[in-house]
Amino acid sequence: MNSEVVIAGVGQVPVGEHYHLSLRSLAAKAMLAAIHEAGDIRPQAVFAGNMLAGTLSRQSNLGALLTDNINLRGVEGTTVEAAGASGAAALRLGYLAIASGYIDSALVVGVDKYTDSVGADVDAALAQTLDSDYELMAGLTPVAQAALVMRRYMHTYNVAHEAFAPVAVNGHARAANNPNAMFRKAITVEQYRSAEDQVSPLNLYDIAPYGDGAAAVLLIHSDKLEKKPDHPLVRITGSSVVTDTLALHDRQEMLAWYAAAFSIERACRQAGIMPQDVDFFEYDDACSIYAALSVEAAGFARRGTGCEFIAAGSLPVATMGGQKGRGNSLGGSGVYQAVEATLQLRGQAGKNQVPGAKRALIHNLGGAAATAISHVLEL
C-alpha cells in the first residue's frame, strides 16, 4: 500500500481515577480534542478500542454511543476488542480503512473506565482475557499468568529479580515529566528492591496500575487534507497484527513470543526499515516481564538479555512513562502509545523529548502476546 495515512490530530485525558466522569464523557474529551487539533475535520468513521465496558461499565455498542455523544450521529461507528491491545486494534482498522481507499478519514479512540466497578467484579472481568476453559476456570489471573512467565524466564536464563528494575525506574522517571501520567514521581532501584511482593516474583513496581483513560487520533489520507495543520504530520508507514495461542500451555515455547516478533517484523518490512532503524520504542509494560520479552522479540537484544538492553539505555523506550508510569488504561493503551509517539515525532514531548526523533515503533499486546500489534510512525 502506498497510501499516505497521516495523524492530523491527537487528544488524550490524564490516566487516573475519574469517578466524576462517565465512559462517554471520558471518551468525548479525547475525541473532541483530536478533532479540534486536526482542524475540525468530521471523520467518516469512528473505531473505538475497548476491553471491558460491557462488563465494568455495563455498556456495549460504543460505536453508536460515542458517535452520538459528540454529534457524529449517522457516522459509521464500530467497537473493537482485543484485550489489552484493543486500542491498537482500533488504530489498525482505522489505518486499513483509509489505506484501502474505502474512506478518507477516521477517528480512533481507545477508552476504558476501570473504576466503574470494584472488588471481585473487576478481577473477574480482567480474567476474561485468559482462556476460559483451561486457565480462567483453574483460577489463573492475568497478573498470575505474568508471574508464571517471569518465574520461568528467571529460571531459564538465570536472571535475578533485580534485573527487571530498569523497566520500572525508566517508566517512573519518564512519567514524572508527563502531565497525563498517573504517577508523576521517579523511583530508585532501592525502592524497587524493597517493594512488597504482589504475585511472586512480581512486586508492586513490576505491575502497571490500572486506571481510567481515553486517547484519540484523527487519521486522514494526506491527499484529502484541505488545510494543513500548524503541527507536523506524522505518517503511519507500517501496521501489523499477529495472533498466537490464547493459553500459554498450548505454545511450543513460553518465552519465545512469536506473535510479537512477527508483528514487529511485518510492520517494519511494510515501512521498508529494520527495527534497529527506529529512534525510540514504545513497548507494552503491563508487567515488567512483558517489556523484556518485547525488546527481545523486536531483535534489540538476545533472549534472556532484554533487561540488560533496557538498562543500557542505548534506545529510548517507554518515552512518556509507558503503562508503568502513565497507567494501564486497558483498551486505551495502544492509542495512548500512538498519541505519545506522535508528540515525540512532532518535537512536542517536553522534557521527555527524544532529540531528532524521526521514526517510532509502537507495540501493544493483548494478554501474554496472544495478540501482538505493531505500528511504525514516521515524520
Protein backbone atom coordinates (compact mmCIF):
# COMPACT_ATOMS: atom_id res chain seq x y z
CA MET A 1 0.00 0.00 0.00
CA ASN A 2 1.41 3.39 -0.97
CA SER A 3 -1.39 5.45 0.53
CA GLU A 4 -0.23 8.16 2.92
CA VAL A 5 -2.23 7.78 6.11
CA VAL A 6 -1.35 10.62 8.46
CA ILE A 7 -2.24 11.58 12.01
CA ALA A 8 -3.79 15.02 11.74
CA GLY A 9 -4.86 15.43 15.35
CA VAL A 10 -4.42 13.83 18.77
CA GLY A 11 -6.20 14.04 22.11
CA GLN A 12 -5.80 12.41 25.49
CA VAL A 13 -7.11 12.51 29.04
CA PRO A 14 -4.77 12.06 32.02
CA VAL A 15 -4.94 8.45 33.21
CA GLY A 16 -6.34 8.21 36.72
CA GLU A 17 -9.44 7.64 38.80
CA HIS A 18 -12.13 9.65 37.04
CA TYR A 19 -15.08 8.83 39.26
CA HIS A 20 -16.83 12.05 38.22
CA LEU A 21 -16.79 11.21 34.50
CA SER A 22 -18.89 8.65 32.65
CA LEU A 23 -17.38 6.41 29.99
CA ARG A 24 -18.90 8.53 27.23
CA SER A 25 -17.69 11.78 28.77
CA LEU A 26 -14.18 10.45 29.19
CA ALA A 27 -14.05 9.37 25.55
CA ALA A 28 -15.60 12.63 24.37
CA LYS A 29 -12.79 14.71 25.88
CA ALA A 30 -10.14 12.85 23.89
CA MET A 31 -12.22 12.58 20.70
CA LEU A 32 -13.13 16.26 20.56
CA ALA A 33 -9.54 17.28 21.29
CA ALA A 34 -8.27 15.19 18.37
CA ILE A 35 -10.92 16.54 16.01
CA HIS A 36 -10.21 20.13 17.03
CA GLU A 37 -6.44 19.76 16.65
CA ALA A 38 -6.97 18.32 13.17
CA GLY A 39 -8.84 21.44 12.10
CA ASP A 40 -12.36 20.28 12.99
CA ILE A 41 -12.38 17.54 10.37
CA ARG A 42 -15.58 15.49 10.52
CA PRO A 43 -14.45 11.85 10.34
CA GLN A 44 -16.23 9.40 8.08
CA ALA A 45 -15.85 6.55 10.59
CA VAL A 46 -15.12 6.03 14.27
CA PHE A 47 -13.28 2.98 15.60
CA ALA A 48 -13.49 2.59 19.38
CA GLY A 49 -11.00 0.29 21.08
CA ASN A 50 -12.39 -1.03 24.35
CA MET A 51 -11.74 -4.01 26.56
CA LEU A 52 -14.21 -4.07 29.45
CA ALA A 53 -17.04 -1.55 29.04
CA GLY A 54 -19.59 -4.32 28.52
CA THR A 55 -18.66 -5.78 31.90
CA LEU A 56 -17.35 -2.99 34.14
CA SER A 57 -19.42 -0.10 32.74
CA ARG A 58 -22.36 -2.28 31.69
CA GLN A 59 -22.30 -0.60 28.32
CA SER A 60 -21.84 -2.13 24.89
CA ASN A 61 -22.29 -0.81 21.34
CA LEU A 62 -19.82 2.02 21.92
CA GLY A 63 -19.73 2.82 18.21
CA ALA A 64 -23.24 4.23 18.46
CA LEU A 65 -22.87 5.66 21.96
CA LEU A 66 -19.67 7.62 21.37
CA THR A 67 -20.53 8.98 17.93
CA ASP A 68 -23.93 10.21 19.08
CA ASN A 69 -22.45 11.78 22.19
CA ILE A 70 -20.21 14.15 20.20
CA ASN A 71 -22.76 14.96 17.49
CA LEU A 72 -21.46 12.49 14.91
CA ARG A 73 -24.81 10.73 14.59
CA GLY A 74 -25.01 8.79 11.34
CA VAL A 75 -21.24 8.30 11.09
CA GLU A 76 -20.05 4.70 10.86
CA GLY A 77 -19.07 3.54 14.35
CA THR A 78 -17.59 0.22 15.47
CA THR A 79 -16.26 -1.18 18.73
CA VAL A 80 -13.04 -3.21 18.58
CA GLU A 81 -11.91 -5.69 21.24
CA ALA A 82 -8.54 -7.42 21.53
CA ALA A 83 -7.96 -7.46 25.31
CA GLY A 84 -5.19 -5.00 26.25
CA ALA A 85 -4.47 -4.43 22.56
CA SER A 86 -8.00 -3.16 21.82
CA GLY A 87 -6.86 0.41 21.18
CA ALA A 88 -4.07 -0.71 18.87
CA ALA A 89 -6.55 -2.94 17.02
CA ALA A 90 -8.83 0.06 16.50
CA LEU A 91 -5.85 2.01 15.14
CA ARG A 92 -5.10 -0.85 12.77
CA LEU A 93 -8.68 -0.87 11.44
CA GLY A 94 -8.72 2.91 11.02
CA TYR A 95 -5.44 2.73 9.13
CA LEU A 96 -6.65 -0.08 6.87
CA ALA A 97 -9.95 1.65 6.09
CA ILE A 98 -8.12 4.73 4.82
CA ALA A 99 -5.20 2.95 3.15
CA SER A 100 -7.64 0.75 1.23
CA GLY A 101 -9.42 3.79 -0.15
CA TYR A 102 -12.74 2.89 1.44
CA ILE A 103 -12.83 6.12 3.47
CA ASP A 104 -10.77 9.30 3.62
CA SER A 105 -10.75 9.94 7.38
CA ALA A 106 -11.31 8.10 10.64
CA LEU A 107 -11.34 8.90 14.33
CA VAL A 108 -9.75 6.23 16.50
CA VAL A 109 -10.38 6.26 20.25
CA GLY A 110 -9.20 3.89 22.96
CA VAL A 111 -11.16 4.10 26.19
CA ASP A 112 -11.83 2.12 29.37
CA LYS A 113 -13.39 3.04 32.70
CA TYR A 114 -11.73 0.79 35.26
CA THR A 115 -13.33 2.49 38.27
CA ASP A 116 -16.92 1.77 37.18
CA SER A 117 -16.75 -1.45 39.23
CA VAL A 118 -14.85 -2.55 42.33
CA GLY A 119 -13.62 -5.68 44.05
CA ALA A 120 -14.19 -9.19 42.76
CA ASP A 121 -16.16 -7.95 39.75
CA VAL A 122 -13.06 -6.22 38.41
CA ASP A 123 -10.81 -9.24 38.94
CA ALA A 124 -13.34 -11.48 37.20
CA ALA A 125 -13.62 -9.10 34.26
CA LEU A 126 -9.85 -8.86 33.79
CA ALA A 127 -9.56 -12.65 33.88
CA GLN A 128 -11.86 -12.94 30.88
CA THR A 129 -8.86 -12.19 28.67
CA LEU A 130 -7.45 -15.64 29.53
CA ASP A 131 -8.52 -18.99 28.09
CA SER A 132 -11.80 -19.51 29.93
CA ASP A 133 -11.85 -23.31 29.73
CA TYR A 134 -8.25 -24.04 30.67
CA GLU A 135 -6.87 -21.01 32.56
CA LEU A 136 -9.70 -18.95 33.99
CA MET A 137 -11.55 -21.97 35.40
CA ALA A 138 -8.32 -23.08 37.11
CA GLY A 139 -8.17 -19.76 38.96
CA LEU A 140 -5.49 -18.03 36.91
CA THR A 141 -5.47 -14.23 36.62
CA PRO A 142 -3.57 -12.03 34.13
CA VAL A 143 -1.07 -10.95 36.79
CA ALA A 144 -0.57 -14.53 37.98
CA GLN A 145 -0.01 -15.55 34.37
CA ALA A 146 2.68 -12.87 34.02
CA ALA A 147 4.23 -14.09 37.29
CA LEU A 148 4.48 -17.62 35.88
CA VAL A 149 6.18 -16.31 32.75
CA MET A 150 8.58 -14.20 34.79
CA ARG A 151 9.48 -17.12 37.08
CA ARG A 152 10.17 -19.30 34.05
CA TYR A 153 12.28 -16.54 32.49
CA MET A 154 14.36 -16.08 35.65
CA HIS A 155 14.95 -19.83 35.89
CA THR A 156 15.70 -20.41 32.20
CA TYR A 157 18.15 -17.53 31.80
CA ASN A 158 19.46 -17.37 35.39
CA VAL A 159 18.22 -13.78 35.75
CA ALA A 160 17.83 -12.22 39.19
CA HIS A 161 14.64 -10.34 40.02
CA GLU A 162 16.58 -7.11 40.46
CA ALA A 163 17.46 -7.21 36.75
CA PHE A 164 13.90 -6.03 35.95
CA ALA A 165 14.33 -2.80 37.93
CA PRO A 166 15.19 -0.67 34.84
CA VAL A 167 11.69 -1.20 33.44
CA ALA A 168 10.05 0.42 36.45
CA VAL A 169 12.77 3.01 37.05
CA ASN A 170 12.66 4.19 33.43
CA GLY A 171 8.85 4.25 33.39
CA HIS A 172 8.52 6.33 36.53
CA ALA A 173 11.35 8.68 35.55
CA ARG A 174 9.65 9.41 32.22
CA ALA A 175 6.21 9.68 33.79
CA ALA A 176 7.49 12.34 36.17
CA ASN A 177 7.59 14.71 33.18
CA ASN A 178 4.33 13.57 31.59
CA PRO A 179 1.34 15.72 32.61
CA ASN A 180 -1.04 12.92 31.58
CA ALA A 181 0.63 10.23 33.69
CA MET A 182 -0.97 8.62 36.70
CA PHE A 183 2.22 8.52 38.79
CA ARG A 184 4.48 11.52 38.28
CA LYS A 185 7.26 10.56 40.65
CA ALA A 186 10.58 8.89 39.96
CA ILE A 187 11.68 5.83 41.92
CA THR A 188 15.08 4.35 42.71
CA VAL A 189 16.47 0.86 42.27
CA GLU A 190 16.46 0.51 46.04
CA GLN A 191 12.74 1.30 46.17
CA TYR A 192 12.18 -1.35 43.53
CA ARG A 193 14.18 -3.89 45.53
CA SER A 194 12.27 -3.25 48.73
CA ALA A 195 8.78 -3.13 47.19
CA GLU A 196 6.19 -5.55 48.52
CA ASP A 197 5.51 -8.72 46.56
CA GLN A 198 2.12 -8.89 44.84
CA VAL A 199 2.22 -12.22 42.99
CA SER A 200 5.74 -13.55 43.41
CA PRO A 201 8.09 -12.84 41.75
CA LEU A 202 6.16 -9.73 40.64
CA ASN A 203 6.34 -6.91 43.17
CA LEU A 204 4.42 -3.66 43.35
CA TYR A 205 6.65 -1.94 40.78
CA ASP A 206 6.51 -4.83 38.31
CA ILE A 207 2.80 -4.29 37.62
CA ALA A 208 1.36 -1.29 35.77
CA PRO A 209 -1.50 0.28 37.75
CA TYR A 210 -4.95 0.17 36.18
CA GLY A 211 -6.73 3.46 35.61
CA ASP A 212 -9.43 5.24 33.65
CA GLY A 213 -8.27 6.73 30.38
CA ALA A 214 -9.13 7.81 26.86
CA ALA A 215 -6.90 8.77 23.94
CA ALA A 216 -7.76 9.53 20.32
CA VAL A 217 -6.14 10.16 16.95
CA LEU A 218 -7.72 11.64 13.82
CA LEU A 219 -6.43 9.80 10.75
CA ILE A 220 -6.80 11.09 7.20
CA HIS A 221 -5.43 10.42 3.76
CA SER A 222 -2.82 13.10 3.14
CA ASP A 223 -4.35 13.97 -0.25
CA LYS A 224 -7.67 14.79 1.41
CA LEU A 225 -6.36 17.45 3.77
CA GLU A 226 -7.98 20.72 2.73
CA LYS A 227 -5.84 22.72 5.14
CA LYS A 228 -2.55 21.58 6.60
CA PRO A 229 -2.49 21.83 10.42
CA ASP A 230 0.03 24.04 12.18
CA HIS A 231 1.87 20.99 13.51
CA PRO A 232 3.93 18.46 11.51
CA LEU A 233 2.03 15.49 10.09
CA VAL A 234 3.06 12.05 11.29
CA ARG A 235 2.64 9.15 8.85
CA ILE A 236 1.72 5.55 9.64
CA THR A 237 4.05 3.60 7.36
CA GLY A 238 3.75 0.12 8.85
CA SER A 239 0.99 -1.84 10.58
CA SER A 240 0.62 -5.47 11.58
CA VAL A 241 -1.48 -7.77 13.78
CA VAL A 242 -0.37 -11.31 14.60
CA THR A 243 -2.01 -13.79 16.98
CA ASP A 244 -0.74 -16.75 18.99
CA THR A 245 -2.48 -19.32 21.18
CA LEU A 246 -4.54 -17.77 23.96
CA ALA A 247 -3.49 -20.38 26.53
CA LEU A 248 0.19 -20.43 27.40
CA HIS A 249 0.28 -24.23 27.72
CA ASP A 250 -0.53 -24.56 24.01
CA ARG A 251 2.69 -22.85 22.92
CA GLN A 252 5.84 -24.62 21.86
CA GLU A 253 7.96 -22.16 23.85
CA MET A 254 6.58 -19.99 26.63
CA LEU A 255 9.41 -17.46 26.36
CA ALA A 256 9.55 -17.16 22.57
CA TRP A 257 6.90 -14.58 21.73
CA TYR A 258 6.48 -15.42 18.08
CA ALA A 259 3.39 -13.25 17.56
CA ALA A 260 5.25 -10.24 18.94
CA ALA A 261 8.30 -10.94 16.79
CA PHE A 262 6.32 -11.50 13.60
CA SER A 263 4.16 -8.43 14.20
CA ILE A 264 7.18 -6.17 14.60
CA GLU A 265 8.95 -7.77 11.63
CA ARG A 266 5.94 -7.33 9.32
CA ALA A 267 5.23 -3.73 10.34
CA CYS A 268 8.88 -2.80 9.80
CA ARG A 269 9.04 -4.64 6.49
CA GLN A 270 6.00 -2.74 5.27
CA ALA A 271 7.68 0.52 6.28
CA GLY A 272 10.85 -0.55 4.48
CA ILE A 273 13.00 -0.47 7.61
CA MET A 274 14.60 -2.71 10.21
CA PRO A 275 13.64 -2.39 13.88
CA GLN A 276 17.13 -1.03 14.55
CA ASP A 277 16.31 1.96 12.32
CA VAL A 278 13.79 3.45 14.78
CA ASP A 279 14.63 6.29 17.14
CA PHE A 280 12.56 5.00 20.04
CA PHE A 281 10.41 2.03 21.01
CA GLU A 282 7.11 2.14 22.87
CA TYR A 283 6.73 -1.36 24.28
CA ASP A 284 3.98 -2.95 26.33
CA ASP A 285 4.95 -2.97 30.00
CA ALA A 286 1.71 -4.07 31.63
CA CYS A 287 4.13 -6.21 33.64
CA SER A 288 7.90 -5.78 33.58
CA ILE A 289 8.49 -9.24 32.10
CA TYR A 290 6.45 -8.21 29.06
CA ALA A 291 8.79 -5.29 28.41
CA ALA A 292 11.84 -7.57 28.47
CA LEU A 293 10.24 -10.13 26.16
CA SER A 294 9.05 -7.41 23.76
CA VAL A 295 12.57 -5.98 23.48
CA GLU A 296 13.85 -9.46 22.67
CA ALA A 297 11.04 -10.12 20.19
CA ALA A 298 11.99 -6.94 18.34
CA GLY A 299 15.54 -8.19 17.98
CA PHE A 300 17.07 -5.44 20.07
CA ALA A 301 18.50 -7.99 22.50
CA ARG A 302 19.29 -11.69 22.62
CA ARG A 303 16.90 -13.92 24.50
CA GLY A 304 17.45 -13.57 28.22
CA THR A 305 19.11 -10.13 27.93
CA GLY A 306 16.14 -7.80 27.45
CA CYS A 307 16.59 -6.22 30.87
CA GLU A 308 20.25 -5.53 30.14
CA PHE A 309 19.28 -3.74 26.94
CA ILE A 310 16.73 -1.54 28.74
CA ALA A 311 19.27 -0.76 31.47
CA ALA A 312 21.92 0.25 28.92
CA GLY A 313 19.65 2.99 27.55
CA SER A 314 21.01 2.80 24.02
CA LEU A 315 17.47 3.11 22.62
CA PRO A 316 14.85 5.28 24.34
CA VAL A 317 11.90 3.14 25.47
CA ALA A 318 8.52 3.96 27.04
CA THR A 319 9.42 7.59 26.49
CA MET A 320 6.40 9.08 28.28
CA GLY A 321 6.35 6.54 31.09
CA GLY A 322 4.71 3.57 29.42
CA GLN A 323 1.90 1.77 31.18
CA LYS A 324 4.01 1.53 34.32
CA GLY A 325 4.23 5.27 34.84
CA ARG A 326 1.33 6.60 32.75
CA GLY A 327 -1.05 3.95 34.00
CA ASN A 328 -2.62 0.96 32.28
CA SER A 329 -5.82 2.21 30.66
CA LEU A 330 -6.56 -1.27 29.29
CA GLY A 331 -8.32 -0.76 25.94
CA GLY A 332 -6.91 2.75 25.71
CA SER A 333 -3.23 1.83 25.99
CA GLY A 334 -2.50 1.32 22.29
CA VAL A 335 -3.93 4.70 21.33
CA TYR A 336 -2.01 6.42 24.14
CA GLN A 337 1.13 4.97 22.55
CA ALA A 338 0.16 6.46 19.19
CA VAL A 339 -0.56 9.87 20.75
CA GLU A 340 2.71 9.91 22.69
CA ALA A 341 4.78 8.76 19.71
CA THR A 342 3.16 11.47 17.59
CA LEU A 343 4.09 14.13 20.13
CA GLN A 344 7.66 12.82 20.18
CA LEU A 345 7.95 12.97 16.40
CA ARG A 346 6.50 16.47 16.32
CA GLY A 347 9.03 17.60 18.91
CA GLN A 348 6.30 18.26 21.49
CA ALA A 349 7.31 15.81 24.23
CA GLY A 350 8.73 18.41 26.60
CA LYS A 351 11.42 17.17 28.99
CA ASN A 352 10.95 13.65 27.64
CA GLN A 353 11.78 14.67 24.08
CA VAL A 354 13.97 12.24 22.15
CA PRO A 355 16.39 14.52 20.24
CA GLY A 356 15.95 14.38 16.49
CA ALA A 357 13.32 11.64 16.59
CA LYS A 358 12.01 10.85 13.09
CA ARG A 359 10.78 7.26 13.34
CA ALA A 360 8.97 5.30 16.06
CA LEU A 361 7.94 1.70 16.68
CA ILE A 362 4.92 1.17 18.92
CA HIS A 363 3.97 -2.29 20.12
CA ASN A 364 0.89 -3.32 22.10
CA LEU A 365 -0.13 -6.72 23.48
CA GLY A 366 -3.41 -8.44 24.15
CA GLY A 367 -2.73 -10.82 27.02
CA ALA A 368 0.64 -12.59 27.12
CA ALA A 369 1.26 -11.78 23.45
CA ALA A 370 -1.79 -13.77 22.36
CA THR A 371 -2.42 -10.71 20.18
CA ALA A 372 0.51 -8.54 19.14
CA ILE A 373 0.01 -5.29 17.23
CA SER A 374 2.79 -3.09 15.89
CA HIS A 375 2.86 0.22 14.04
CA VAL A 376 5.67 2.26 12.56
CA LEU A 377 5.19 6.02 12.72
CA GLU A 378 7.39 8.45 10.78
CA LEU A 379 7.72 12.18 10.44
